[in-house]
Amino acid sequence: MSEAINIGTIDDIDEGEARVIPAEENGTDQDIAVFHAEDGNFYALDDTCTHETASLADGWIEGTEVECPVHSAKFCLKSGTALCMPATIAARTHKVEVSGQDVLLYPAVSVVDA
């Protein structure tokens, strides 16, 4: 299991927004977007859309889904599943925990493995 990265407090990412943790900081080969979804929970996906090179953190969050800003592909924040065309490949998920007020990211630990 990878080590947790403290990415800030729950107040650092407004609900309906995302923060990008660069690959150099998260220790993986991809930037990771941490989303504060409308359900109040935090989720993390690789930041790059699986259909087109675009930042998912720049997309629109609705409920527990994010819409890519380029071609409107949607992904489930909980599972990474591609929900509509043109994306057909799921985005990789990463485990996120809230400990007190801190948001902890576990890069390369998928939600399924958590």
PDB file of N, CA and C in Angstrom:
ATOM      1  N   MET A   1       0.854  -1.186   0.000  1.00  0.00           N
ATOM      2  CA  MET A   1       0.000   0.000   0.000  1.00  0.00           C
ATOM      3  C   MET A   1       0.891   1.238   0.000  1.00  0.00           C
ATOM      4  N   SER A   2       0.517   2.232  -0.752  1.00  0.00           N
ATOM      5  CA  SER A   2       1.316   3.445  -0.817  1.00  0.00           C
ATOM      6  C   SER A   2       1.086   4.297   0.426  1.00  0.00           C
ATOM      7  N   GLU A   3       2.032   5.184   0.650  1.00  0.00           N
ATOM      8  CA  GLU A   3       1.935   6.107   1.775  1.00  0.00           C
ATOM      9  C   GLU A   3       0.912   7.191   1.460  1.00  0.00           C
ATOM     10  N   ALA A   4       0.236   7.651   2.502  1.00  0.00           N
ATOM     11  CA  ALA A   4      -0.742   8.729   2.327  1.00  0.00           C
ATOM     12  C   ALA A   4      -0.022  10.053   2.139  1.00  0.00           C
ATOM     13  N   ILE A   5      -0.616  10.896   1.307  1.00  0.00           N
ATOM     14  CA  ILE A   5      -0.152  12.267   1.119  1.00  0.00           C
ATOM     15  C   ILE A   5      -1.229  13.179   1.679  1.00  0.00           C
ATOM     16  N   ASN A   6      -0.867  14.023   2.625  1.00  0.00           N
ATOM     17  CA  ASN A   6      -1.805  15.010   3.160  1.00  0.00           C
ATOM     18  C   ASN A   6      -1.876  16.139   2.142  1.00  0.00           C
ATOM     19  N   ILE A   7      -3.044  16.315   1.515  1.00  0.00           N
ATOM     20  CA  ILE A   7      -3.167  17.336   0.473  1.00  0.00           C
ATOM     21  C   ILE A   7      -3.846  18.607   0.976  1.00  0.00           C
ATOM     22  N   GLY A   8      -4.118  18.667   2.272  1.00  0.00           N
ATOM     23  CA  GLY A   8      -4.734  19.859   2.853  1.00  0.00           C
ATOM     24  C   GLY A   8      -5.919  19.491   3.719  1.00  0.00           C
ATOM     25  N   THR A   9      -6.729  20.483   4.002  1.00  0.00           N
ATOM     26  CA  THR A   9      -7.901  20.253   4.842  1.00  0.00           C
ATOM     27  C   THR A   9      -9.165  20.203   3.992  1.00  0.00           C
ATOM     28  N   ILE A  10     -10.240  19.775   4.622  1.00  0.00           N
ATOM     29  CA  ILE A  10     -11.507  19.675   3.901  1.00  0.00           C
ATOM     30  C   ILE A  10     -11.989  21.036   3.404  1.00  0.00           C
ATOM     31  N   ASP A  11     -11.531  22.098   4.028  1.00  0.00           N
ATOM     32  CA  ASP A  11     -11.931  23.445   3.601  1.00  0.00           C
ATOM     33  C   ASP A  11     -11.102  23.977   2.436  1.00  0.00           C
ATOM     34  N   ASP A  12     -10.033  23.264   2.078  1.00  0.00           N
ATOM     35  CA  ASP A  12      -9.150  23.732   0.995  1.00  0.00           C
ATOM     36  C   ASP A  12      -9.710  23.474  -0.400  1.00  0.00           C
ATOM     37  N   ILE A  13     -10.650  22.530  -0.509  1.00  0.00           N
ATOM     38  CA  ILE A  13     -11.283  22.239  -1.805  1.00  0.00           C
ATOM     39  C   ILE A  13     -12.777  22.449  -1.625  1.00  0.00           C
ATOM     40  N   ASP A  14     -13.297  23.487  -2.237  1.00  0.00           N
ATOM     41  CA  ASP A  14     -14.726  23.780  -2.126  1.00  0.00           C
ATOM     42  C   ASP A  14     -15.549  22.661  -2.753  1.00  0.00           C
ATOM     43  N   GLU A  15     -16.741  22.456  -2.224  1.00  0.00           N
ATOM     44  CA  GLU A  15     -17.648  21.475  -2.809  1.00  0.00           C
ATOM     45  C   GLU A  15     -17.916  21.843  -4.258  1.00  0.00           C
ATOM     46  N   GLY A  16     -17.855  20.853  -5.139  1.00  0.00           N
ATOM     47  CA  GLY A  16     -18.048  21.093  -6.566  1.00  0.00           C
ATOM     48  C   GLY A  16     -16.778  21.504  -7.286  1.00  0.00           C
ATOM     49  N   GLU A  17     -15.634  21.436  -6.591  1.00  0.00           N
ATOM     50  CA  GLU A  17     -14.341  21.816  -7.174  1.00  0.00           C
ATOM     51  C   GLU A  17     -13.365  20.650  -7.073  1.00  0.00           C
ATOM     52  N   ALA A  18     -12.193  20.825  -7.694  1.00  0.00           N
ATOM     53  CA  ALA A  18     -11.154  19.800  -7.669  1.00  0.00           C
ATOM     54  C   ALA A  18      -9.789  20.457  -7.525  1.00  0.00           C
ATOM     55  N   ARG A  19      -8.837  19.677  -7.046  1.00  0.00           N
ATOM     56  CA  ARG A  19      -7.445  20.117  -6.946  1.00  0.00           C
ATOM     57  C   ARG A  19      -6.580  19.069  -7.628  1.00  0.00           C
ATOM     58  N   VAL A  20      -5.600  19.519  -8.410  1.00  0.00           N
ATOM     59  CA  VAL A  20      -4.685  18.609  -9.088  1.00  0.00           C
ATOM     60  C   VAL A  20      -3.431  18.440  -8.240  1.00  0.00           C
ATOM     61  N   ILE A  21      -3.065  17.180  -8.016  1.00  0.00           N
ATOM     62  CA  ILE A  21      -1.820  16.840  -7.340  1.00  0.00           C
ATOM     63  C   ILE A  21      -0.881  16.320  -8.435  1.00  0.00           C
ATOM     64  N   PRO A  22       0.152  17.117  -8.781  1.00  0.00           N
ATOM     65  CA  PRO A  22       1.024  16.741  -9.897  1.00  0.00           C
ATOM     66  C   PRO A  22       1.729  15.403  -9.680  1.00  0.00           C
ATOM     67  N   ALA A  23       2.039  14.722 -10.777  1.00  0.00           N
ATOM     68  CA  ALA A  23       2.713  13.428 -10.725  1.00  0.00           C
ATOM     69  C   ALA A  23       3.993  13.503  -9.895  1.00  0.00           C
ATOM     70  N   GLU A  24       4.718  14.605 -10.002  1.00  0.00           N
ATOM     71  CA  GLU A  24       5.973  14.752  -9.258  1.00  0.00           C
ATOM     72  C   GLU A  24       5.736  14.720  -7.747  1.00  0.00           C
ATOM     73  N   GLU A  25       4.569  15.141  -7.324  1.00  0.00           N
ATOM     74  CA  GLU A  25       4.246  15.160  -5.897  1.00  0.00           C
ATOM     75  C   GLU A  25       3.555  13.883  -5.436  1.00  0.00           C
ATOM     76  N   ASN A  26       2.819  13.223  -6.336  1.00  0.00           N
ATOM     77  CA  ASN A  26       2.050  12.049  -5.902  1.00  0.00           C
ATOM     78  C   ASN A  26       2.779  10.729  -6.128  1.00  0.00           C
ATOM     79  N   GLY A  27       3.906  10.756  -6.838  1.00  0.00           N
ATOM     80  CA  GLY A  27       4.717   9.554  -7.003  1.00  0.00           C
ATOM     81  C   GLY A  27       4.224   8.566  -8.039  1.00  0.00           C
ATOM     82  N   THR A  28       3.232   8.950  -8.842  1.00  0.00           N
ATOM     83  CA  THR A  28       2.775   8.084  -9.934  1.00  0.00           C
ATOM     84  C   THR A  28       3.208   8.710 -11.258  1.00  0.00           C
ATOM     85  N   ASP A  29       2.775   8.114 -12.350  1.00  0.00           N
ATOM     86  CA  ASP A  29       3.118   8.640 -13.666  1.00  0.00           C
ATOM     87  C   ASP A  29       2.055   9.591 -14.211  1.00  0.00           C
ATOM     88  N   GLN A  30       1.028   9.903 -13.395  1.00  0.00           N
ATOM     89  CA  GLN A  30      -0.074  10.756 -13.842  1.00  0.00           C
ATOM     90  C   GLN A  30      -0.411  11.807 -12.794  1.00  0.00           C
ATOM     91  N   ASP A  31      -0.835  12.973 -13.248  1.00  0.00           N
ATOM     92  CA  ASP A  31      -1.432  13.928 -12.320  1.00  0.00           C
ATOM     93  C   ASP A  31      -2.719  13.302 -11.793  1.00  0.00           C
ATOM     94  N   ILE A  32      -3.061  13.600 -10.542  1.00  0.00           N
ATOM     95  CA  ILE A  32      -4.278  13.072  -9.935  1.00  0.00           C
ATOM     96  C   ILE A  32      -5.173  14.238  -9.547  1.00  0.00           C
ATOM     97  N   ALA A  33      -6.452  14.146  -9.904  1.00  0.00           N
ATOM     98  CA  ALA A  33      -7.435  15.160  -9.517  1.00  0.00           C
ATOM     99  C   ALA A  33      -8.200  14.650  -8.306  1.00  0.00           C
ATOM    100  N   VAL A  34      -8.246  15.470  -7.255  1.00  0.00           N
ATOM    101  CA  VAL A  34      -9.034  15.148  -6.070  1.00  0.00           C
ATOM    102  C   VAL A  34     -10.266  16.033  -6.108  1.00  0.00           C
ATOM    103  N   PHE A  35     -11.437  15.413  -6.134  1.00  0.00           N
ATOM    104  CA  PHE A  35     -12.710  16.104  -6.284  1.00  0.00           C
ATOM    105  C   PHE A  35     -13.460  16.145  -4.956  1.00  0.00           C
ATOM    106  N   HIS A  36     -14.080  17.284  -4.666  1.00  0.00           N
ATOM    107  CA  HIS A  36     -15.001  17.401  -3.527  1.00  0.00           C
ATOM    108  C   HIS A  36     -16.388  17.403  -4.152  1.00  0.00           C
ATOM    109  N   ALA A  37     -17.006  16.241  -4.147  1.00  0.00           N
ATOM    110  CA  ALA A  37     -18.279  16.053  -4.855  1.00  0.00           C
ATOM    111  C   ALA A  37     -19.436  16.691  -4.101  1.00  0.00           C
ATOM    112  N   GLU A  38     -20.554  16.817  -4.811  1.00  0.00           N
ATOM    113  CA  GLU A  38     -21.761  17.417  -4.240  1.00  0.00           C
ATOM    114  C   GLU A  38     -22.370  16.571  -3.133  1.00  0.00           C
ATOM    115  N   ASP A  39     -21.934  15.296  -3.000  1.00  0.00           N
ATOM    116  CA  ASP A  39     -22.415  14.470  -1.889  1.00  0.00           C
ATOM    117  C   ASP A  39     -21.589  14.707  -0.617  1.00  0.00           C
ATOM    118  N   GLY A  40     -20.629  15.635  -0.696  1.00  0.00           N
ATOM    119  CA  GLY A  40     -19.797  15.981   0.449  1.00  0.00           C
ATOM    120  C   GLY A  40     -18.542  15.139   0.587  1.00  0.00           C
ATOM    121  N   ASN A  41     -18.424  14.090  -0.206  1.00  0.00           N
ATOM    122  CA  ASN A  41     -17.262  13.201  -0.131  1.00  0.00           C
ATOM    123  C   ASN A  41     -16.161  13.639  -1.088  1.00  0.00           C
ATOM    124  N   PHE A  42     -14.968  13.088  -0.855  1.00  0.00           N
ATOM    125  CA  PHE A  42     -13.805  13.356  -1.703  1.00  0.00           C
ATOM    126  C   PHE A  42     -13.482  12.095  -2.494  1.00  0.00           C
ATOM    127  N   TYR A  43     -13.156  12.280  -3.772  1.00  0.00           N
ATOM    128  CA  TYR A  43     -12.814  11.188  -4.675  1.00  0.00           C
ATOM    129  C   TYR A  43     -11.595  11.606  -5.481  1.00  0.00           C
ATOM    130  N   ALA A  44     -10.849  10.612  -5.988  1.00  0.00           N
ATOM    131  CA  ALA A  44      -9.666  10.923  -6.789  1.00  0.00           C
ATOM    132  C   ALA A  44      -9.611  10.038  -8.022  1.00  0.00           C
ATOM    133  N   LEU A  45      -9.317  10.662  -9.153  1.00  0.00           N
ATOM    134  CA  LEU A  45      -9.146   9.984 -10.436  1.00  0.00           C
ATOM    135  C   LEU A  45      -7.870  10.513 -11.082  1.00  0.00           C
ATOM    136  N   ASP A  46      -7.275   9.709 -11.983  1.00  0.00           N
ATOM    137  CA  ASP A  46      -6.228  10.283 -12.825  1.00  0.00           C
ATOM    138  C   ASP A  46      -6.832  11.510 -13.489  1.00  0.00           C
ATOM    139  N   ASP A  47      -6.059  12.571 -13.596  1.00  0.00           N
ATOM    140  CA  ASP A  47      -6.615  13.831 -14.073  1.00  0.00           C
ATOM    141  C   ASP A  47      -6.881  13.865 -15.576  1.00  0.00           C
ATOM    142  N   THR A  48      -6.286  12.976 -16.340  1.00  0.00           N
ATOM    143  CA  THR A  48      -6.436  13.015 -17.795  1.00  0.00           C
ATOM    144  C   THR A  48      -7.624  12.174 -18.256  1.00  0.00           C
ATOM    145  N   CYS A  49      -8.500  12.784 -19.043  1.00  0.00           N
ATOM    146  CA  CYS A  49      -9.627  12.073 -19.643  1.00  0.00           C
ATOM    147  C   CYS A  49      -9.092  10.906 -20.471  1.00  0.00           C
ATOM    148  N   THR A  50      -9.772   9.762 -20.411  1.00  0.00           N
ATOM    149  CA  THR A  50      -9.313   8.586 -21.151  1.00  0.00           C
ATOM    150  C   THR A  50      -9.640   8.653 -22.644  1.00  0.00           C
ATOM    151  N   HIS A  51     -10.423   9.633 -23.049  1.00  0.00           N
ATOM    152  CA  HIS A  51     -10.764   9.783 -24.466  1.00  0.00           C
ATOM    153  C   HIS A  51      -9.873  10.789 -25.167  1.00  0.00           C
ATOM    154  N   GLU A  52      -9.613  11.891 -24.528  1.00  0.00           N
ATOM    155  CA  GLU A  52      -8.887  13.005 -25.137  1.00  0.00           C
ATOM    156  C   GLU A  52      -8.023  13.625 -24.044  1.00  0.00           C
ATOM    157  N   THR A  53      -6.871  14.120 -24.413  1.00  0.00           N
ATOM    158  CA  THR A  53      -6.003  14.730 -23.418  1.00  0.00           C
ATOM    159  C   THR A  53      -6.626  16.026 -22.920  1.00  0.00           C
ATOM    160  N   ALA A  54      -7.264  15.928 -21.770  1.00  0.00           N
ATOM    161  CA  ALA A  54      -7.902  17.083 -21.134  1.00  0.00           C
ATOM    162  C   ALA A  54      -7.926  16.839 -19.634  1.00  0.00           C
ATOM    163  N   SER A  55      -7.850  17.909 -18.876  1.00  0.00           N
ATOM    164  CA  SER A  55      -7.867  17.814 -17.421  1.00  0.00           C
ATOM    165  C   SER A  55      -9.292  17.627 -16.915  1.00  0.00           C
ATOM    166  N   LEU A  56      -9.539  16.515 -16.226  1.00  0.00           N
ATOM    167  CA  LEU A  56     -10.862  16.293 -15.635  1.00  0.00           C
ATOM    168  C   LEU A  56     -11.135  17.289 -14.515  1.00  0.00           C
ATOM    169  N   ALA A  57     -10.084  17.784 -13.868  1.00  0.00           N
ATOM    170  CA  ALA A  57     -10.259  18.792 -12.812  1.00  0.00           C
ATOM    171  C   ALA A  57     -10.862  20.073 -13.371  1.00  0.00           C
ATOM    172  N   ASP A  58     -10.694  20.304 -14.676  1.00  0.00           N
ATOM    173  CA  ASP A  58     -11.281  21.478 -15.330  1.00  0.00           C
ATOM    174  C   ASP A  58     -12.722  21.232 -15.762  1.00  0.00           C
ATOM    175  N   GLY A  59     -13.208  20.021 -15.537  1.00  0.00           N
ATOM    176  CA  GLY A  59     -14.560  19.662 -15.956  1.00  0.00           C
ATOM    177  C   GLY A  59     -15.616  20.127 -14.967  1.00  0.00           C
ATOM    178  N   TRP A  60     -16.843  19.665 -15.204  1.00  0.00           N
ATOM    179  CA  TRP A  60     -17.983  20.065 -14.392  1.00  0.00           C
ATOM    180  C   TRP A  60     -18.401  18.902 -13.522  1.00  0.00           C
ATOM    181  N   ILE A  61     -18.554  19.168 -12.231  1.00  0.00           N
ATOM    182  CA  ILE A  61     -18.974  18.147 -11.284  1.00  0.00           C
ATOM    183  C   ILE A  61     -20.469  18.291 -11.047  1.00  0.00           C
ATOM    184  N   GLU A  62     -21.174  17.168 -11.205  1.00  0.00           N
ATOM    185  CA  GLU A  62     -22.602  17.136 -10.915  1.00  0.00           C
ATOM    186  C   GLU A  62     -22.874  15.856 -10.145  1.00  0.00           C
ATOM    187  N   GLY A  63     -23.324  16.002  -8.902  1.00  0.00           N
ATOM    188  CA  GLY A  63     -23.528  14.829  -8.057  1.00  0.00           C
ATOM    189  C   GLY A  63     -22.196  14.151  -7.797  1.00  0.00           C
ATOM    190  N   THR A  64     -22.081  12.886  -8.245  1.00  0.00           N
ATOM    191  CA  THR A  64     -20.830  12.150  -8.110  1.00  0.00           C
ATOM    192  C   THR A  64     -20.268  11.788  -9.491  1.00  0.00           C
ATOM    193  N   GLU A  65     -20.458  12.703 -10.439  1.00  0.00           N
ATOM    194  CA  GLU A  65     -19.933  12.538 -11.795  1.00  0.00           C
ATOM    195  C   GLU A  65     -19.138  13.774 -12.176  1.00  0.00           C
ATOM    196  N   VAL A  66     -18.168  13.570 -13.072  1.00  0.00           N
ATOM    197  CA  VAL A  66     -17.439  14.699 -13.639  1.00  0.00           C
ATOM    198  C   VAL A  66     -17.543  14.602 -15.157  1.00  0.00           C
ATOM    199  N   GLU A  67     -17.774  15.752 -15.789  1.00  0.00           N
ATOM    200  CA  GLU A  67     -17.881  15.832 -17.243  1.00  0.00           C
ATOM    201  C   GLU A  67     -16.617  16.462 -17.801  1.00  0.00           C
ATOM    202  N   CYS A  68     -15.986  15.788 -18.738  1.00  0.00           N
ATOM    203  CA  CYS A  68     -14.778  16.294 -19.378  1.00  0.00           C
ATOM    204  C   CYS A  68     -15.090  17.598 -20.106  1.00  0.00           C
ATOM    205  N   PRO A  69     -14.199  18.593 -19.989  1.00  0.00           N
ATOM    206  CA  PRO A  69     -14.457  19.880 -20.635  1.00  0.00           C
ATOM    207  C   PRO A  69     -14.259  19.893 -22.150  1.00  0.00           C
ATOM    208  N   VAL A  70     -13.722  18.815 -22.727  1.00  0.00           N
ATOM    209  CA  VAL A  70     -13.451  18.823 -24.168  1.00  0.00           C
ATOM    210  C   VAL A  70     -14.611  18.245 -24.973  1.00  0.00           C
ATOM    211  N   HIS A  71     -14.970  16.994 -24.740  1.00  0.00           N
ATOM    212  CA  HIS A  71     -16.019  16.347 -25.538  1.00  0.00           C
ATOM    213  C   HIS A  71     -17.170  15.813 -24.700  1.00  0.00           C
ATOM    214  N   SER A  72     -17.291  16.266 -23.458  1.00  0.00           N
ATOM    215  CA  SER A  72     -18.435  15.951 -22.589  1.00  0.00           C
ATOM    216  C   SER A  72     -18.560  14.495 -22.160  1.00  0.00           C
ATOM    217  N   ALA A  73     -17.467  13.738 -22.229  1.00  0.00           N
ATOM    218  CA  ALA A  73     -17.504  12.392 -21.652  1.00  0.00           C
ATOM    219  C   ALA A  73     -17.709  12.538 -20.148  1.00  0.00           C
ATOM    220  N   LYS A  74     -18.429  11.604 -19.546  1.00  0.00           N
ATOM    221  CA  LYS A  74     -18.680  11.657 -18.108  1.00  0.00           C
ATOM    222  C   LYS A  74     -18.090  10.434 -17.434  1.00  0.00           C
ATOM    223  N   PHE A  75     -17.603  10.656 -16.210  1.00  0.00           N
ATOM    224  CA  PHE A  75     -17.004   9.596 -15.412  1.00  0.00           C
ATOM    225  C   PHE A  75     -17.618   9.592 -14.021  1.00  0.00           C
ATOM    226  N   CYS A  76     -17.810   8.395 -13.478  1.00  0.00           N
ATOM    227  CA  CYS A  76     -18.270   8.236 -12.106  1.00  0.00           C
ATOM    228  C   CYS A  76     -17.080   8.503 -11.185  1.00  0.00           C
ATOM    229  N   LEU A  77     -17.241   9.424 -10.247  1.00  0.00           N
ATOM    230  CA  LEU A  77     -16.160   9.731  -9.323  1.00  0.00           C
ATOM    231  C   LEU A  77     -15.895   8.587  -8.357  1.00  0.00           C
ATOM    232  N   LYS A  78     -16.901   7.777  -8.070  1.00  0.00           N
ATOM    233  CA  LYS A  78     -16.748   6.667  -7.126  1.00  0.00           C
ATOM    234  C   LYS A  78     -15.943   5.511  -7.715  1.00  0.00           C
ATOM    235  N   SER A  79     -16.198   5.183  -8.979  1.00  0.00           N
ATOM    236  CA  SER A  79     -15.602   3.995  -9.586  1.00  0.00           C
ATOM    237  C   SER A  79     -14.671   4.282 -10.758  1.00  0.00           C
ATOM    238  N   GLY A  80     -14.724   5.505 -11.300  1.00  0.00           N
ATOM    239  CA  GLY A  80     -13.940   5.841 -12.487  1.00  0.00           C
ATOM    240  C   GLY A  80     -14.587   5.403 -13.783  1.00  0.00           C
ATOM    241  N   THR A  81     -15.712   4.713 -13.724  1.00  0.00           N
ATOM    242  CA  THR A  81     -16.389   4.185 -14.905  1.00  0.00           C
ATOM    243  C   THR A  81     -16.739   5.288 -15.887  1.00  0.00           C
ATOM    244  N   ALA A  82     -16.451   5.035 -17.169  1.00  0.00           N
ATOM    245  CA  ALA A  82     -16.875   5.946 -18.235  1.00  0.00           C
ATOM    246  C   ALA A  82     -18.375   5.757 -18.407  1.00  0.00           C
ATOM    247  N   LEU A  83     -19.133   6.843 -18.270  1.00  0.00           N
ATOM    248  CA  LEU A  83     -20.587   6.764 -18.261  1.00  0.00           C
ATOM    249  C   LEU A  83     -21.238   7.063 -19.605  1.00  0.00           C
ATOM    250  N   CYS A  84     -20.498   7.696 -20.510  1.00  0.00           N
ATOM    251  CA  CYS A  84     -21.078   7.975 -21.825  1.00  0.00           C
ATOM    252  C   CYS A  84     -19.972   8.204 -22.839  1.00  0.00           C
ATOM    253  N   MET A  85     -20.361   8.090 -24.086  1.00  0.00           N
ATOM    254  CA  MET A  85     -19.447   8.340 -25.211  1.00  0.00           C
ATOM    255  C   MET A  85     -19.050   9.815 -25.195  1.00  0.00           C
ATOM    256  N   PRO A  86     -17.915  10.162 -25.654  1.00  0.00           N
ATOM    257  CA  PRO A  86     -17.019   9.314 -26.432  1.00  0.00           C
ATOM    258  C   PRO A  86     -16.045   8.475 -25.608  1.00  0.00           C
ATOM    259  N   ALA A  87     -15.998   8.618 -24.289  1.00  0.00           N
ATOM    260  CA  ALA A  87     -15.098   7.799 -23.468  1.00  0.00           C
ATOM    261  C   ALA A  87     -15.651   6.391 -23.329  1.00  0.00           C
ATOM    262  N   THR A  88     -14.767   5.403 -23.469  1.00  0.00           N
ATOM    263  CA  THR A  88     -15.156   4.008 -23.297  1.00  0.00           C
ATOM    264  C   THR A  88     -14.266   3.299 -22.275  1.00  0.00           C
ATOM    265  N   ILE A  89     -13.223   3.964 -21.837  1.00  0.00           N
ATOM    266  CA  ILE A  89     -12.270   3.391 -20.883  1.00  0.00           C
ATOM    267  C   ILE A  89     -12.407   4.125 -19.557  1.00  0.00           C
ATOM    268  N   ALA A  90     -12.456   3.378 -18.468  1.00  0.00           N
ATOM    269  CA  ALA A  90     -12.573   3.971 -17.134  1.00  0.00           C
ATOM    270  C   ALA A  90     -11.309   4.750 -16.773  1.00  0.00           C
ATOM    271  N   ALA A  91     -11.485   5.746 -15.920  1.00  0.00           N
ATOM    272  CA  ALA A  91     -10.358   6.485 -15.357  1.00  0.00           C
ATOM    273  C   ALA A  91      -9.891   5.743 -14.105  1.00  0.00           C
ATOM    274  N   ARG A  92      -8.592   5.734 -13.877  1.00  0.00           N
ATOM    275  CA  ARG A  92      -8.040   5.063 -12.700  1.00  0.00           C
ATOM    276  C   ARG A  92      -8.416   5.835 -11.437  1.00  0.00           C
ATOM    277  N   THR A  93      -8.883   5.114 -10.440  1.00  0.00           N
ATOM    278  CA  THR A  93      -9.256   5.719  -9.162  1.00  0.00           C
ATOM    279  C   THR A  93      -8.086   5.640  -8.180  1.00  0.00           C
ATOM    280  N   HIS A  94      -8.159   6.488  -7.157  1.00  0.00           N
ATOM    281  CA  HIS A  94      -7.179   6.485  -6.075  1.00  0.00           C
ATOM    282  C   HIS A  94      -7.938   6.666  -4.768  1.00  0.00           C
ATOM    283  N   LYS A  95      -7.486   5.988  -3.746  1.00  0.00           N
ATOM    284  CA  LYS A  95      -8.142   6.049  -2.442  1.00  0.00           C
ATOM    285  C   LYS A  95      -7.949   7.428  -1.806  1.00  0.00           C
ATOM    286  N   VAL A  96      -9.026   7.954  -1.215  1.00  0.00           N
ATOM    287  CA  VAL A  96      -9.000   9.206  -0.467  1.00  0.00           C
ATOM    288  C   VAL A  96      -9.673   8.956   0.878  1.00  0.00           C
ATOM    289  N   GLU A  97      -9.072   9.463   1.936  1.00  0.00           N
ATOM    290  CA  GLU A  97      -9.671   9.387   3.269  1.00  0.00           C
ATOM    291  C   GLU A  97      -9.674  10.771   3.892  1.00  0.00           C
ATOM    292  N   VAL A  98     -10.646  10.995   4.741  1.00  0.00           N
ATOM    293  CA  VAL A  98     -10.670  12.207   5.551  1.00  0.00           C
ATOM    294  C   VAL A  98     -10.367  11.775   6.978  1.00  0.00           C
ATOM    295  N   SER A  99      -9.353  12.396   7.563  1.00  0.00           N
ATOM    296  CA  SER A  99      -8.956  12.108   8.940  1.00  0.00           C
ATOM    297  C   SER A  99      -9.036  13.410   9.721  1.00  0.00           C
ATOM    298  N   GLY A 100     -10.064  13.544  10.527  1.00  0.00           N
ATOM    299  CA  GLY A 100     -10.299  14.825  11.196  1.00  0.00           C
ATOM    300  C   GLY A 100     -10.648  15.862  10.141  1.00  0.00           C
ATOM    301  N   GLN A 101      -9.809  16.863  10.002  1.00  0.00           N
ATOM    302  CA  GLN A 101      -9.993  17.897   8.985  1.00  0.00           C
ATOM    303  C   GLN A 101      -9.094  17.680   7.765  1.00  0.00           C
ATOM    304  N   ASP A 102      -8.194  16.697   7.827  1.00  0.00           N
ATOM    305  CA  ASP A 102      -7.207  16.476   6.771  1.00  0.00           C
ATOM    306  C   ASP A 102      -7.735  15.554   5.673  1.00  0.00           C
ATOM    307  N   VAL A 103      -7.382  15.869   4.431  1.00  0.00           N
ATOM    308  CA  VAL A 103      -7.702  15.022   3.279  1.00  0.00           C
ATOM    309  C   VAL A 103      -6.425  14.278   2.910  1.00  0.00           C
ATOM    310  N   LEU A 104      -6.501  12.946   2.942  1.00  0.00           N
ATOM    311  CA  LEU A 104      -5.352  12.098   2.662  1.00  0.00           C
ATOM    312  C   LEU A 104      -5.564  11.353   1.353  1.00  0.00           C
ATOM    313  N   LEU A 105      -4.582  11.447   0.471  1.00  0.00           N
ATOM    314  CA  LEU A 105      -4.604  10.767  -0.818  1.00  0.00           C
ATOM    315  C   LEU A 105      -3.627   9.595  -0.768  1.00  0.00           C
ATOM    316  N   TYR A 106      -4.090   8.432  -1.222  1.00  0.00           N
ATOM    317  CA  TYR A 106      -3.255   7.245  -1.336  1.00  0.00           C
ATOM    318  C   TYR A 106      -3.061   6.958  -2.822  1.00  0.00           C
ATOM    319  N   PRO A 107      -2.038   7.553  -3.430  1.00  0.00           N
ATOM    320  CA  PRO A 107      -1.817   7.352  -4.870  1.00  0.00           C
ATOM    321  C   PRO A 107      -1.580   5.885  -5.205  1.00  0.00           C
ATOM    322  N   ALA A 108      -2.134   5.465  -6.315  1.00  0.00           N
ATOM    323  CA  ALA A 108      -1.975   4.114  -6.849  1.00  0.00           C
ATOM    324  C   ALA A 108      -2.662   3.047  -6.010  1.00  0.00           C
ATOM    325  N   VAL A 109      -3.459   3.435  -5.020  1.00  0.00           N
ATOM    326  CA  VAL A 109      -4.302   2.487  -4.310  1.00  0.00           C
ATOM    327  C   VAL A 109      -5.712   2.723  -4.822  1.00  0.00           C
ATOM    328  N   SER A 110      -6.193   1.805  -5.650  1.00  0.00           N
ATOM    329  CA  SER A 110      -7.508   2.003  -6.240  1.00  0.00           C
ATOM    330  C   SER A 110      -8.591   1.845  -5.185  1.00  0.00           C
ATOM    331  N   VAL A 111      -9.746   2.389  -5.461  1.00  0.00           N
ATOM    332  CA  VAL A 111     -10.881   2.276  -4.558  1.00  0.00           C
ATOM    333  C   VAL A 111     -11.236   0.808  -4.361  1.00  0.00           C
ATOM    334  N   VAL A 112     -11.063  -0.001  -5.394  1.00  0.00           N
ATOM    335  CA  VAL A 112     -11.372  -1.422  -5.320  1.00  0.00           C
ATOM    336  C   VAL A 112     -10.413  -2.118  -4.345  1.00  0.00           C
ATOM    337  N   ASP A 113      -9.139  -1.707  -4.334  1.00  0.00           N
ATOM    338  CA  ASP A 113      -8.138  -2.314  -3.465  1.00  0.00           C
ATOM    339  C   ASP A 113      -8.255  -1.846  -2.016  1.00  0.00           C
ATOM    340  N   ALA A 114      -8.916  -0.683  -1.809  1.00  0.00           N
ATOM    341  CA  ALA A 114      -8.939  -0.067  -0.481  1.00  0.00           C
ATOM    342  C   ALA A 114      -9.749  -0.862   0.515  1.00  0.00           C
TER     343      ALA A 114
END
